[in-house]
């Protein structure tokens, strides 16, 4: 069961989304809750890394699954909280991609803080997906500046 699910339709090809996702050190460009992210190796299953949140907390993470140009899943630990983030995309047309980010919350006594975390993660993930959409569309438009399409269609929480 997913605790949080946000989604958006991005006016850019899937390859642009993948470039953004797989360049982990650029995560602060679109995920504004983090000030720094790094992987200790290639973007592949088993690679560990960390993100430092804007509030200073260190969040160790591990890439659990990577399906090239489709999705990736990572786990993270924040204090006593176990988090699992799933990032998926589906090509709708050559220049349109459906992007879905989900999160699961687990850990000891998770029932005590699940409601608050859902609320916080929904807000943070919605902002991150909006920023990802804008960045991907900006980069896609820089490649083909003659495209005159409307901005991404936001679907968000389901």
Protein backbone atom coordinates (compact mmCIF):
# COMPACT_ATOMS: atom_id res chain seq x y z
CA UNK A 1 0.00 0.00 0.00
CA UNK A 2 1.30 3.43 -0.91
CA UNK A 3 0.92 6.13 1.70
CA UNK A 4 1.46 8.96 -0.80
CA UNK A 5 1.04 9.08 -4.57
CA UNK A 6 1.55 12.15 -6.75
CA UNK A 7 1.57 12.26 -10.52
CA UNK A 8 1.87 14.69 -13.39
CA UNK A 9 1.88 14.69 -17.17
CA UNK A 10 5.06 16.33 -18.41
CA UNK A 11 5.42 17.91 -21.85
CA UNK A 12 8.81 16.35 -22.46
CA UNK A 13 10.15 13.02 -23.71
CA UNK A 14 10.90 10.26 -21.17
CA UNK A 15 14.62 10.57 -21.94
CA UNK A 16 14.64 14.06 -20.39
CA UNK A 17 12.99 12.76 -17.19
CA UNK A 18 15.51 9.91 -17.02
CA UNK A 19 18.46 12.31 -17.34
CA UNK A 20 17.12 14.31 -14.40
CA UNK A 21 16.38 11.27 -12.22
CA UNK A 22 19.68 9.51 -12.89
CA UNK A 23 21.82 12.60 -12.25
CA UNK A 24 21.37 12.24 -8.50
CA UNK A 25 23.58 15.16 -7.54
CA UNK A 26 21.14 17.50 -9.33
CA UNK A 27 18.20 16.40 -7.14
CA UNK A 28 18.20 19.72 -5.20
CA UNK A 29 17.28 21.48 -8.47
CA UNK A 30 13.83 19.88 -8.34
CA UNK A 31 13.48 18.39 -4.84
CA UNK A 32 13.66 21.55 -2.77
CA UNK A 33 13.53 19.65 0.54
CA UNK A 34 17.11 18.47 -0.01
CA UNK A 35 20.25 20.59 -0.03
CA UNK A 36 22.62 17.85 -1.24
CA UNK A 37 22.33 14.33 -2.71
CA UNK A 38 25.03 11.89 -3.70
CA UNK A 39 25.45 8.26 -4.71
CA UNK A 40 28.54 6.25 -3.82
CA UNK A 41 28.64 4.58 -7.21
CA UNK A 42 26.68 4.20 -10.44
CA UNK A 43 22.91 4.60 -10.78
CA UNK A 44 22.15 0.89 -10.38
CA UNK A 45 20.59 -1.47 -7.81
CA UNK A 46 22.60 -1.82 -4.62
CA UNK A 47 24.28 1.57 -4.84
CA UNK A 48 24.09 3.49 -1.58
CA UNK A 49 24.16 7.20 -1.03
CA UNK A 50 22.62 9.96 1.02
CA UNK A 51 20.62 13.12 0.85
CA UNK A 52 21.00 15.95 3.31
CA UNK A 53 17.69 17.62 4.01
CA UNK A 54 17.33 21.41 4.23
CA UNK A 55 16.79 21.02 7.98
CA UNK A 56 20.25 19.40 8.24
CA UNK A 57 19.15 15.81 8.76
CA UNK A 58 21.20 13.16 6.97
CA UNK A 59 19.08 10.57 5.11
CA UNK A 60 21.00 7.43 4.03
CA UNK A 61 19.48 5.71 1.01
CA UNK A 62 19.90 2.72 -1.26
CA UNK A 63 18.83 2.12 -4.85
CA UNK A 64 16.77 -1.07 -4.71
CA UNK A 65 15.60 -1.36 -8.30
CA UNK A 66 16.47 0.47 -11.52
CA UNK A 67 14.64 -0.19 -14.80
CA UNK A 68 16.50 1.92 -17.34
CA UNK A 69 14.37 4.71 -18.83
CA UNK A 70 11.27 3.44 -16.95
CA UNK A 71 11.56 3.58 -13.16
CA UNK A 72 13.66 3.35 -10.07
CA UNK A 73 12.95 2.57 -6.42
CA UNK A 74 14.99 3.58 -3.41
CA UNK A 75 14.74 3.02 0.30
CA UNK A 76 15.76 5.59 2.88
CA UNK A 77 15.98 5.87 6.63
CA UNK A 78 15.18 9.08 8.43
CA UNK A 79 15.63 8.84 12.19
CA UNK A 80 13.47 5.80 13.10
CA UNK A 81 11.38 6.01 9.92
CA UNK A 82 11.78 3.59 7.00
CA UNK A 83 10.75 5.12 3.68
CA UNK A 84 10.42 3.60 0.23
CA UNK A 85 10.17 5.89 -2.79
CA UNK A 86 9.08 4.63 -6.19
CA UNK A 87 9.58 6.75 -9.32
CA UNK A 88 7.82 5.61 -12.50
CA UNK A 89 7.19 7.06 -15.92
CA UNK A 90 5.23 6.04 -18.98
CA UNK A 91 5.58 7.53 -22.45
CA UNK A 92 2.25 8.91 -23.68
CA UNK A 93 3.61 10.40 -26.92
CA UNK A 94 7.05 11.40 -28.23
CA UNK A 95 6.92 14.62 -26.18
CA UNK A 96 4.61 13.72 -23.31
CA UNK A 97 5.33 11.55 -20.27
CA UNK A 98 3.20 10.43 -17.33
CA UNK A 99 5.34 10.59 -14.16
CA UNK A 100 4.30 8.99 -10.86
CA UNK A 101 6.11 9.24 -7.52
CA UNK A 102 4.92 7.17 -4.55
CA UNK A 103 6.09 6.77 -0.97
CA UNK A 104 5.56 4.12 1.68
CA UNK A 105 6.10 4.73 5.38
CA UNK A 106 7.15 1.93 7.75
CA UNK A 107 9.03 1.38 10.97
CA UNK A 108 8.38 0.85 14.65
CA UNK A 109 5.22 2.55 15.81
CA UNK A 110 4.66 3.97 12.31
CA UNK A 111 0.94 4.16 13.05
CA UNK A 112 1.70 7.02 15.46
CA UNK A 113 3.26 9.32 12.86
CA UNK A 114 1.88 8.02 9.54
CA UNK A 115 -0.85 10.70 9.29
CA UNK A 116 1.53 13.61 9.86
CA UNK A 117 4.16 12.14 7.54
CA UNK A 118 1.58 11.57 4.79
CA UNK A 119 0.66 15.23 4.95
CA UNK A 120 4.29 16.40 4.93
CA UNK A 121 5.34 13.99 2.16
CA UNK A 122 2.33 14.88 0.01
CA UNK A 123 3.26 18.56 0.13
CA UNK A 124 6.98 17.92 -0.45
CA UNK A 125 6.44 15.39 -3.24
CA UNK A 126 3.88 17.60 -4.99
CA UNK A 127 6.34 20.50 -5.01
CA UNK A 128 9.16 18.21 -6.17
CA UNK A 129 7.06 16.84 -9.03
CA UNK A 130 6.00 20.35 -10.08
CA UNK A 131 9.68 21.34 -10.14
CA UNK A 132 10.68 18.18 -12.02
CA UNK A 133 7.97 18.94 -14.59
CA UNK A 134 9.18 22.52 -15.05
CA UNK A 135 12.84 21.48 -15.31
CA UNK A 136 12.15 18.70 -17.83
CA UNK A 137 9.94 20.96 -19.95
CA UNK A 138 12.52 23.76 -19.83
CA UNK A 139 15.27 21.38 -20.95
CA UNK A 140 13.08 19.79 -23.64
CA UNK A 141 12.16 23.25 -24.96
CA UNK A 142 15.82 24.24 -25.04
CA UNK A 143 16.40 21.29 -27.35
CA UNK A 144 13.40 22.08 -29.58
CA UNK A 145 12.47 25.76 -28.99
CA UNK A 146 9.76 25.84 -31.67
CA UNK A 147 7.35 23.69 -29.68
CA UNK A 148 4.37 25.79 -28.64
CA UNK A 149 2.54 23.47 -26.29
CA UNK A 150 0.83 24.26 -23.02
CA UNK A 151 2.66 23.49 -19.77
CA UNK A 152 2.34 20.10 -18.08
CA UNK A 153 -1.03 18.86 -16.91
CA UNK A 154 -0.96 18.32 -13.15
CA UNK A 155 -2.78 15.31 -11.73
CA UNK A 156 -1.14 15.09 -8.28
CA UNK A 157 -2.48 13.14 -5.31
CA UNK A 158 -4.74 10.20 -5.96
